[in-house]
N, C-alpha and C. Protein backbone atom coordinates (compact mmCIF):
# COMPACT_ATOMS: atom_id res chain seq x y z
N UNK A 1 -21.82 12.28 -8.03
CA UNK A 1 -21.48 12.79 -9.34
C UNK A 1 -20.59 14.01 -9.19
N UNK A 2 -19.62 14.09 -10.05
CA UNK A 2 -18.71 15.21 -10.05
C UNK A 2 -18.70 15.80 -11.45
N UNK A 3 -19.20 17.02 -11.59
CA UNK A 3 -19.24 17.65 -12.90
C UNK A 3 -20.06 16.85 -13.90
N UNK A 4 -21.09 16.15 -13.43
CA UNK A 4 -21.94 15.37 -14.31
C UNK A 4 -21.43 13.97 -14.59
N UNK A 5 -20.21 13.67 -14.17
CA UNK A 5 -19.64 12.33 -14.42
C UNK A 5 -19.83 11.46 -13.18
N UNK A 6 -20.25 10.23 -13.40
CA UNK A 6 -20.41 9.30 -12.30
C UNK A 6 -19.04 8.70 -11.97
N UNK A 7 -18.66 8.77 -10.69
CA UNK A 7 -17.37 8.24 -10.25
C UNK A 7 -17.55 6.78 -9.88
N UNK A 8 -16.69 5.93 -10.39
CA UNK A 8 -16.69 4.50 -10.07
C UNK A 8 -15.26 4.05 -9.80
N UNK A 9 -15.11 3.24 -8.81
CA UNK A 9 -13.82 2.64 -8.52
C UNK A 9 -14.00 1.13 -8.58
N UNK A 10 -13.48 0.52 -9.63
CA UNK A 10 -13.64 -0.92 -9.82
C UNK A 10 -12.53 -1.73 -9.17
N UNK A 11 -11.36 -1.13 -9.05
CA UNK A 11 -10.20 -1.83 -8.50
C UNK A 11 -9.48 -0.89 -7.54
N UNK A 12 -9.49 -1.25 -6.27
CA UNK A 12 -8.96 -0.40 -5.21
C UNK A 12 -7.75 -1.07 -4.57
N UNK A 13 -6.67 -0.31 -4.46
CA UNK A 13 -5.46 -0.78 -3.80
C UNK A 13 -5.34 -0.08 -2.46
N UNK A 14 -5.05 -0.84 -1.41
CA UNK A 14 -4.73 -0.22 -0.12
C UNK A 14 -3.32 -0.64 0.25
N UNK A 15 -2.51 0.35 0.61
CA UNK A 15 -1.12 0.11 0.98
C UNK A 15 -1.06 -0.22 2.47
N UNK A 16 -0.46 -1.35 2.78
CA UNK A 16 -0.35 -1.82 4.16
C UNK A 16 1.12 -1.81 4.57
N UNK A 17 1.42 -1.05 5.65
CA UNK A 17 2.79 -1.04 6.16
C UNK A 17 2.87 -1.37 7.64
N UNK A 18 1.73 -1.78 8.22
CA UNK A 18 1.71 -2.15 9.62
C UNK A 18 1.42 -1.00 10.56
N UNK A 19 1.36 0.23 10.05
CA UNK A 19 1.08 1.38 10.89
C UNK A 19 -0.43 1.49 11.15
N UNK A 20 -0.76 2.21 12.21
CA UNK A 20 -2.18 2.46 12.52
C UNK A 20 -2.86 3.13 11.33
N UNK A 21 -2.18 4.10 10.71
CA UNK A 21 -2.77 4.80 9.57
C UNK A 21 -3.05 3.88 8.39
N UNK A 22 -2.22 2.87 8.20
CA UNK A 22 -2.49 1.97 7.07
C UNK A 22 -3.74 1.13 7.34
N UNK A 23 -3.99 0.79 8.61
CA UNK A 23 -5.21 0.05 8.94
C UNK A 23 -6.43 0.96 8.91
N UNK A 24 -6.25 2.25 9.22
CA UNK A 24 -7.33 3.22 9.04
C UNK A 24 -7.68 3.33 7.55
N UNK A 25 -6.64 3.35 6.72
CA UNK A 25 -6.86 3.38 5.27
C UNK A 25 -7.58 2.12 4.81
N UNK A 26 -7.24 1.00 5.41
CA UNK A 26 -7.92 -0.25 5.06
C UNK A 26 -9.41 -0.15 5.38
N UNK A 27 -9.75 0.44 6.52
CA UNK A 27 -11.16 0.62 6.86
C UNK A 27 -11.90 1.44 5.81
N UNK A 28 -11.27 2.51 5.35
CA UNK A 28 -11.87 3.34 4.30
C UNK A 28 -11.99 2.55 3.00
N UNK A 29 -10.96 1.76 2.68
CA UNK A 29 -10.98 0.97 1.45
C UNK A 29 -12.07 -0.10 1.50
N UNK A 30 -12.27 -0.70 2.66
CA UNK A 30 -13.34 -1.69 2.81
C UNK A 30 -14.70 -1.05 2.55
N UNK A 31 -14.91 0.13 3.12
CA UNK A 31 -16.17 0.85 2.90
C UNK A 31 -16.39 1.15 1.43
N UNK A 32 -15.34 1.64 0.76
CA UNK A 32 -15.44 1.96 -0.67
C UNK A 32 -15.64 0.70 -1.51
N UNK A 33 -14.96 -0.38 -1.14
CA UNK A 33 -15.10 -1.64 -1.87
C UNK A 33 -16.55 -2.13 -1.82
N UNK A 34 -17.15 -2.02 -0.66
CA UNK A 34 -18.56 -2.41 -0.53
C UNK A 34 -19.46 -1.48 -1.34
N UNK A 35 -19.19 -0.18 -1.26
CA UNK A 35 -20.02 0.80 -1.95
C UNK A 35 -20.00 0.62 -3.46
N UNK A 36 -18.82 0.36 -4.00
CA UNK A 36 -18.67 0.27 -5.45
C UNK A 36 -18.61 -1.16 -5.97
N UNK A 37 -18.72 -2.14 -5.06
CA UNK A 37 -18.61 -3.55 -5.44
C UNK A 37 -17.30 -3.77 -6.22
N UNK A 38 -16.22 -3.27 -5.64
CA UNK A 38 -14.90 -3.26 -6.29
C UNK A 38 -14.11 -4.52 -5.96
N UNK A 39 -13.02 -4.69 -6.68
CA UNK A 39 -12.02 -5.69 -6.35
C UNK A 39 -10.98 -4.98 -5.48
N UNK A 40 -10.59 -5.62 -4.38
CA UNK A 40 -9.68 -5.00 -3.43
C UNK A 40 -8.31 -5.67 -3.47
N UNK A 41 -7.27 -4.86 -3.52
CA UNK A 41 -5.89 -5.33 -3.51
C UNK A 41 -5.21 -4.81 -2.24
N UNK A 42 -4.57 -5.69 -1.50
CA UNK A 42 -3.75 -5.31 -0.36
C UNK A 42 -2.31 -5.44 -0.78
N UNK A 43 -1.54 -4.37 -0.64
CA UNK A 43 -0.16 -4.38 -1.12
C UNK A 43 0.76 -3.89 -0.02
N UNK A 44 1.84 -4.62 0.19
CA UNK A 44 2.90 -4.21 1.09
C UNK A 44 4.21 -4.29 0.32
N UNK A 45 5.09 -3.34 0.58
CA UNK A 45 6.37 -3.31 -0.12
C UNK A 45 7.50 -3.42 0.90
N UNK A 46 8.33 -4.45 0.75
CA UNK A 46 9.52 -4.59 1.57
C UNK A 46 10.58 -3.69 0.95
N UNK A 47 11.05 -2.74 1.74
CA UNK A 47 12.01 -1.76 1.23
C UNK A 47 13.40 -2.40 1.13
N UNK A 48 13.67 -3.00 0.00
CA UNK A 48 14.98 -3.59 -0.24
C UNK A 48 15.94 -2.59 -0.90
N UNK A 49 15.44 -1.41 -1.22
CA UNK A 49 16.28 -0.40 -1.88
C UNK A 49 17.30 0.21 -0.93
N UNK A 50 16.99 0.24 0.38
CA UNK A 50 17.88 0.90 1.33
C UNK A 50 18.55 -0.07 2.29
N UNK A 51 18.53 -1.35 1.98
CA UNK A 51 19.16 -2.33 2.87
C UNK A 51 20.67 -2.29 2.72
N UNK A 52 21.38 -2.58 3.80
CA UNK A 52 22.84 -2.66 3.68
C UNK A 52 23.22 -3.82 2.76
N UNK A 53 24.26 -3.64 2.04
CA UNK A 53 24.68 -4.70 1.13
C UNK A 53 25.75 -5.56 1.77
N UNK A 54 25.79 -6.79 1.36
CA UNK A 54 26.75 -7.76 1.86
C UNK A 54 27.88 -7.86 0.84
N UNK A 55 29.01 -7.30 1.13
CA UNK A 55 30.17 -7.28 0.23
C UNK A 55 29.83 -6.59 -1.09
N UNK A 56 28.89 -5.65 -1.05
CA UNK A 56 28.55 -4.88 -2.24
C UNK A 56 27.87 -5.67 -3.33
N UNK A 57 27.44 -6.91 -3.04
CA UNK A 57 26.86 -7.75 -4.09
C UNK A 57 25.39 -8.01 -3.87
N UNK A 58 24.98 -8.38 -2.67
CA UNK A 58 23.58 -8.74 -2.46
C UNK A 58 23.10 -8.20 -1.12
N UNK A 59 21.79 -8.19 -0.95
CA UNK A 59 21.19 -7.74 0.31
C UNK A 59 21.50 -8.72 1.42
N UNK A 60 21.54 -8.20 2.64
CA UNK A 60 21.73 -9.05 3.81
C UNK A 60 20.54 -10.00 3.88
N UNK A 61 20.73 -11.29 3.61
CA UNK A 61 19.60 -12.21 3.48
C UNK A 61 18.76 -12.33 4.75
N UNK A 62 19.36 -12.31 5.91
CA UNK A 62 18.58 -12.41 7.14
C UNK A 62 17.67 -11.22 7.34
N UNK A 63 18.18 -10.04 7.03
CA UNK A 63 17.40 -8.82 7.19
C UNK A 63 16.23 -8.80 6.20
N UNK A 64 16.47 -9.16 4.98
CA UNK A 64 15.41 -9.23 3.98
C UNK A 64 14.34 -10.20 4.42
N UNK A 65 14.75 -11.36 4.89
CA UNK A 65 13.79 -12.38 5.35
C UNK A 65 12.95 -11.84 6.49
N UNK A 66 13.57 -11.18 7.47
CA UNK A 66 12.84 -10.63 8.61
C UNK A 66 11.83 -9.58 8.17
N UNK A 67 12.23 -8.71 7.26
CA UNK A 67 11.32 -7.67 6.76
C UNK A 67 10.15 -8.29 5.99
N UNK A 68 10.44 -9.32 5.20
CA UNK A 68 9.37 -10.01 4.47
C UNK A 68 8.40 -10.69 5.43
N UNK A 69 8.91 -11.30 6.48
CA UNK A 69 8.03 -11.96 7.46
C UNK A 69 7.14 -10.94 8.17
N UNK A 70 7.71 -9.80 8.53
CA UNK A 70 6.91 -8.74 9.15
C UNK A 70 5.81 -8.26 8.19
N UNK A 71 6.16 -8.08 6.93
CA UNK A 71 5.18 -7.63 5.94
C UNK A 71 4.09 -8.67 5.74
N UNK A 72 4.47 -9.95 5.73
CA UNK A 72 3.47 -11.02 5.59
C UNK A 72 2.52 -11.02 6.77
N UNK A 73 3.04 -10.78 7.97
CA UNK A 73 2.19 -10.71 9.16
C UNK A 73 1.21 -9.55 9.05
N UNK A 74 1.70 -8.38 8.61
CA UNK A 74 0.84 -7.21 8.43
C UNK A 74 -0.24 -7.49 7.39
N UNK A 75 0.14 -8.11 6.28
CA UNK A 75 -0.83 -8.42 5.23
C UNK A 75 -1.86 -9.44 5.71
N UNK A 76 -1.43 -10.42 6.49
CA UNK A 76 -2.37 -11.42 7.00
C UNK A 76 -3.39 -10.77 7.92
N UNK A 77 -2.93 -9.87 8.79
CA UNK A 77 -3.84 -9.14 9.67
C UNK A 77 -4.86 -8.35 8.83
N UNK A 78 -4.38 -7.68 7.80
CA UNK A 78 -5.25 -6.90 6.93
C UNK A 78 -6.24 -7.81 6.19
N UNK A 79 -5.75 -8.94 5.68
CA UNK A 79 -6.62 -9.87 4.97
C UNK A 79 -7.70 -10.42 5.90
N UNK A 80 -7.34 -10.69 7.15
CA UNK A 80 -8.33 -11.16 8.12
C UNK A 80 -9.42 -10.12 8.35
N UNK A 81 -9.04 -8.84 8.41
CA UNK A 81 -10.03 -7.77 8.58
C UNK A 81 -10.95 -7.68 7.36
N UNK A 82 -10.40 -7.87 6.18
CA UNK A 82 -11.20 -7.85 4.95
C UNK A 82 -12.20 -9.01 4.97
N UNK A 83 -11.74 -10.19 5.33
CA UNK A 83 -12.63 -11.36 5.39
C UNK A 83 -13.72 -11.17 6.44
N UNK A 84 -13.35 -10.58 7.56
CA UNK A 84 -14.32 -10.31 8.64
C UNK A 84 -15.41 -9.36 8.14
N UNK A 85 -15.05 -8.48 7.21
CA UNK A 85 -16.02 -7.55 6.62
C UNK A 85 -16.85 -8.21 5.51
N UNK A 86 -16.58 -9.49 5.24
CA UNK A 86 -17.35 -10.22 4.25
C UNK A 86 -16.88 -10.02 2.82
N UNK A 87 -15.63 -9.62 2.67
CA UNK A 87 -15.09 -9.35 1.34
C UNK A 87 -13.91 -10.28 1.04
N UNK A 88 -13.55 -10.31 -0.23
CA UNK A 88 -12.35 -11.02 -0.68
C UNK A 88 -11.34 -9.98 -1.15
N UNK A 89 -10.09 -10.39 -1.22
CA UNK A 89 -9.06 -9.47 -1.70
C UNK A 89 -7.93 -10.25 -2.33
N UNK A 90 -7.13 -9.55 -3.08
CA UNK A 90 -5.89 -10.10 -3.63
C UNK A 90 -4.74 -9.48 -2.86
N UNK A 91 -3.82 -10.31 -2.40
CA UNK A 91 -2.70 -9.85 -1.58
C UNK A 91 -1.42 -9.89 -2.41
N UNK A 92 -0.66 -8.79 -2.34
CA UNK A 92 0.59 -8.69 -3.08
C UNK A 92 1.70 -8.23 -2.15
N UNK A 93 2.79 -8.97 -2.12
CA UNK A 93 3.99 -8.58 -1.38
C UNK A 93 5.06 -8.26 -2.41
N UNK A 94 5.52 -7.02 -2.42
CA UNK A 94 6.50 -6.58 -3.40
C UNK A 94 7.81 -6.26 -2.70
N UNK A 95 8.88 -6.29 -3.44
CA UNK A 95 10.20 -5.90 -2.96
C UNK A 95 10.68 -4.74 -3.82
N UNK A 96 11.33 -3.78 -3.18
CA UNK A 96 11.86 -2.65 -3.93
C UNK A 96 11.77 -1.38 -3.12
N UNK A 97 11.68 -0.27 -3.80
CA UNK A 97 11.56 1.03 -3.16
C UNK A 97 10.06 1.32 -3.05
N UNK A 98 9.50 1.43 -1.83
CA UNK A 98 8.05 1.54 -1.65
C UNK A 98 7.38 2.65 -2.45
N UNK A 99 7.98 3.83 -2.48
CA UNK A 99 7.36 4.94 -3.21
C UNK A 99 7.18 4.60 -4.68
N UNK A 100 8.21 4.12 -5.29
CA UNK A 100 8.17 3.80 -6.70
C UNK A 100 7.23 2.62 -6.99
N UNK A 101 7.34 1.58 -6.17
CA UNK A 101 6.49 0.39 -6.38
C UNK A 101 5.01 0.75 -6.27
N UNK A 102 4.64 1.53 -5.25
CA UNK A 102 3.24 1.88 -5.06
C UNK A 102 2.74 2.87 -6.12
N UNK A 103 3.62 3.69 -6.63
CA UNK A 103 3.22 4.64 -7.67
C UNK A 103 3.00 3.95 -9.01
N UNK A 104 3.75 2.87 -9.27
CA UNK A 104 3.71 2.25 -10.60
C UNK A 104 2.96 0.92 -10.65
N UNK A 105 2.79 0.24 -9.54
CA UNK A 105 2.04 -1.03 -9.49
C UNK A 105 0.62 -0.89 -10.05
N UNK A 106 -0.09 0.20 -9.74
CA UNK A 106 -1.48 0.31 -10.21
C UNK A 106 -1.64 0.25 -11.72
N UNK A 107 -0.65 0.68 -12.46
CA UNK A 107 -0.76 0.67 -13.93
C UNK A 107 -0.89 -0.76 -14.44
N UNK A 108 -0.12 -1.68 -13.88
CA UNK A 108 -0.14 -3.07 -14.33
C UNK A 108 -1.45 -3.77 -13.98
N UNK A 109 -2.09 -3.34 -12.91
CA UNK A 109 -3.31 -4.00 -12.43
C UNK A 109 -4.56 -3.17 -12.72
N UNK A 110 -4.43 -2.11 -13.50
CA UNK A 110 -5.51 -1.18 -13.82
C UNK A 110 -6.30 -0.77 -12.57
N UNK A 111 -5.56 -0.33 -11.57
CA UNK A 111 -6.15 0.15 -10.32
C UNK A 111 -6.78 1.52 -10.56
N UNK A 112 -7.98 1.74 -10.02
CA UNK A 112 -8.68 3.02 -10.14
C UNK A 112 -8.39 3.97 -8.99
N UNK A 113 -8.07 3.40 -7.81
CA UNK A 113 -7.90 4.21 -6.62
C UNK A 113 -6.87 3.57 -5.70
N UNK A 114 -5.94 4.38 -5.21
CA UNK A 114 -4.99 3.95 -4.19
C UNK A 114 -5.44 4.60 -2.88
N UNK A 115 -5.59 3.79 -1.83
CA UNK A 115 -5.96 4.30 -0.53
C UNK A 115 -4.76 4.09 0.39
N UNK A 116 -4.31 5.19 1.01
CA UNK A 116 -3.11 5.13 1.84
C UNK A 116 -3.31 5.94 3.11
N UNK A 117 -2.62 5.53 4.16
CA UNK A 117 -2.56 6.36 5.35
C UNK A 117 -1.78 7.61 5.03
N UNK A 118 -2.18 8.71 5.64
CA UNK A 118 -1.49 9.98 5.38
C UNK A 118 -0.02 9.90 5.77
N UNK A 119 0.26 9.20 6.86
CA UNK A 119 1.64 8.97 7.26
C UNK A 119 1.77 7.51 7.70
N UNK A 120 2.97 7.01 7.65
CA UNK A 120 3.21 5.65 8.10
C UNK A 120 4.50 5.58 8.88
N UNK A 121 5.50 6.26 8.41
CA UNK A 121 6.79 6.28 9.07
C UNK A 121 6.79 7.33 10.17
N UNK A 122 7.73 7.18 11.10
CA UNK A 122 7.83 8.22 12.12
C UNK A 122 8.47 9.47 11.52
N UNK A 123 8.41 10.59 12.25
CA UNK A 123 8.86 11.88 11.72
C UNK A 123 10.33 11.88 11.33
N UNK A 124 11.18 11.23 12.11
CA UNK A 124 12.60 11.20 11.79
C UNK A 124 12.85 10.46 10.47
N UNK A 125 12.21 9.30 10.29
CA UNK A 125 12.38 8.56 9.04
C UNK A 125 11.84 9.35 7.85
N UNK A 126 10.71 10.05 8.03
CA UNK A 126 10.15 10.85 6.94
C UNK A 126 11.12 11.92 6.50
N UNK A 127 11.85 12.49 7.45
CA UNK A 127 12.80 13.55 7.11
C UNK A 127 13.90 13.04 6.20
N UNK A 128 14.33 11.80 6.40
CA UNK A 128 15.40 11.23 5.58
C UNK A 128 14.88 10.53 4.33
N UNK A 129 13.80 9.81 4.46
CA UNK A 129 13.30 8.99 3.36
C UNK A 129 12.32 9.76 2.49
N UNK A 130 11.54 10.64 3.07
CA UNK A 130 10.49 11.33 2.34
C UNK A 130 9.19 10.57 2.48
N UNK A 131 8.10 11.26 2.37
CA UNK A 131 6.79 10.65 2.55
C UNK A 131 6.42 9.77 1.35
N UNK A 132 6.14 8.52 1.64
CA UNK A 132 5.69 7.59 0.59
C UNK A 132 4.37 8.09 0.01
N UNK A 133 3.46 8.49 0.88
CA UNK A 133 2.15 8.96 0.42
C UNK A 133 2.28 10.18 -0.47
N UNK A 134 3.12 11.11 -0.08
CA UNK A 134 3.31 12.32 -0.90
C UNK A 134 3.87 11.96 -2.27
N UNK A 135 4.88 11.10 -2.28
CA UNK A 135 5.49 10.70 -3.54
C UNK A 135 4.46 10.04 -4.45
N UNK A 136 3.69 9.10 -3.89
CA UNK A 136 2.70 8.37 -4.69
C UNK A 136 1.66 9.34 -5.24
N UNK A 137 1.20 10.28 -4.39
CA UNK A 137 0.18 11.22 -4.86
C UNK A 137 0.70 12.12 -5.97
N UNK A 138 1.99 12.40 -5.97
CA UNK A 138 2.58 13.27 -6.99
C UNK A 138 3.00 12.53 -8.26
N UNK A 139 3.29 11.23 -8.16
CA UNK A 139 3.85 10.51 -9.30
C UNK A 139 2.95 9.43 -9.91
N UNK A 140 1.91 9.05 -9.22
CA UNK A 140 1.03 8.02 -9.75
C UNK A 140 0.02 8.64 -10.72
N UNK A 141 -0.36 7.89 -11.72
CA UNK A 141 -1.39 8.33 -12.66
C UNK A 141 -2.77 7.92 -12.15
N UNK A 142 -2.82 7.33 -10.94
CA UNK A 142 -4.06 6.83 -10.34
C UNK A 142 -4.52 7.79 -9.25
N UNK A 143 -5.84 7.88 -9.05
CA UNK A 143 -6.38 8.67 -7.96
C UNK A 143 -5.85 8.14 -6.64
N UNK A 144 -5.56 9.05 -5.71
CA UNK A 144 -5.05 8.65 -4.38
C UNK A 144 -5.93 9.27 -3.32
N UNK A 145 -6.39 8.43 -2.40
CA UNK A 145 -7.14 8.89 -1.23
C UNK A 145 -6.24 8.75 -0.02
N UNK A 146 -5.95 9.87 0.63
CA UNK A 146 -5.12 9.86 1.85
C UNK A 146 -6.03 9.87 3.06
N UNK A 147 -5.83 8.90 3.94
CA UNK A 147 -6.65 8.77 5.14
C UNK A 147 -5.81 9.17 6.34
N UNK A 148 -6.38 10.02 7.18
CA UNK A 148 -5.67 10.51 8.36
C UNK A 148 -6.06 9.70 9.57
């Protein structure tokens, strides 16, 4: 209880990007899902916002396909861990800018809690792209749990 109010998380989203921290976040989300008997969502976002363009018209199709396949592999690994824990989950693969997608996706699915690794990208990429976790925590209307 916090200030007399009982905290409940009915719908939990965990962001999966293939990093060790995202799988640590998944472990925390599995624990919370069991504790609150929640519905669990696994979400990965293929960053199509920063892909090179082909003649200024469309994304490089081979690169997009490769990124989507990597994300599907990461999500499958995560889904297998959820099943091993005796739970079910809904898997979502999104395309777009990861920070924005993860900050706004919860509104459509009435997510109560976003669970994310504290970091996912390496330090050099964070310097140029910015922290996805930081952005989501600052711009989402949903509670965010950062797992280290």
